[in-house]
Amino acid sequence: MTVLSVIIPTRDRCSMLMEALPPLLQDPGVGEVVVVDDGSTDGTSAALDDLARA
């Protein structure tokens, strides 16, 4: 089975990421998800930190 690396560039898309990431993280075909935050001011970084700790 092929395992994918998913790279997501983002800026100020916290709510969209929080909706999109859980299914990706549960997909057995996804080996890693890398989110590149370009200076978000909407709480994206904190939300990603919380998700990483969960």
Protein backbone atom coordinates (compact mmCIF):
# COMPACT_ATOMS: atom_id res chain seq x y z
CA MET A 1 0.00 0.00 0.00
CA THR A 2 1.25 3.47 -0.84
CA VAL A 3 1.65 5.81 2.11
CA LEU A 4 1.30 9.52 1.41
CA SER A 5 2.84 12.60 2.92
CA VAL A 6 0.36 15.48 2.86
CA ILE A 7 1.74 19.02 2.95
CA ILE A 8 -0.72 21.85 3.61
CA PRO A 9 0.38 25.49 3.31
CA THR A 10 -1.94 27.79 5.24
CA ARG A 11 -2.58 31.25 6.57
CA ASP A 12 -5.61 32.22 8.66
CA ARG A 13 -7.62 29.08 7.88
CA CYS A 14 -8.01 27.66 11.37
CA SER A 15 -11.63 26.54 11.08
CA MET A 16 -11.05 24.95 7.68
CA LEU A 17 -8.00 23.05 8.94
CA MET A 18 -9.77 21.80 12.05
CA GLU A 19 -12.46 20.35 9.80
CA ALA A 20 -10.08 18.86 7.23
CA LEU A 21 -7.33 17.41 9.43
CA PRO A 22 -9.13 14.76 11.54
CA PRO A 23 -10.17 12.62 8.54
CA LEU A 24 -6.66 12.91 7.10
CA LEU A 25 -5.08 11.83 10.37
CA GLN A 26 -7.34 8.76 10.51
CA ASP A 27 -6.69 7.70 6.91
CA PRO A 28 -4.41 4.63 6.85
CA GLY A 29 -2.99 5.75 3.50
CA VAL A 30 -1.63 8.96 5.03
CA GLY A 31 1.73 8.53 6.74
CA GLU A 32 2.25 12.12 7.79
CA VAL A 33 0.59 15.51 7.59
CA VAL A 34 2.78 18.61 7.52
CA VAL A 35 1.08 21.98 7.96
CA VAL A 36 3.14 25.04 7.04
CA ASP A 37 1.67 28.10 8.76
CA ASP A 38 2.62 31.42 7.16
CA GLY A 39 2.06 33.76 10.09
CA SER A 40 -1.61 33.17 10.84
CA THR A 41 -3.29 35.57 13.25
CA ASP A 42 -6.51 33.60 13.78
CA GLY A 43 -5.26 31.03 16.30
CA THR A 44 -4.17 28.46 13.73
CA SER A 45 -0.84 27.78 15.44
CA ALA A 46 -2.41 27.21 18.87
CA ALA A 47 -5.13 24.98 17.40
CA LEU A 48 -2.51 22.89 15.58
CA ASP A 49 -0.50 22.57 18.80
CA ASP A 50 -3.62 21.35 20.62
CA LEU A 51 -4.38 18.86 17.85
CA ALA A 52 -0.81 17.54 17.91
CA ARG A 53 -1.08 16.93 21.67
CA ALA A 54 -4.42 15.10 21.37
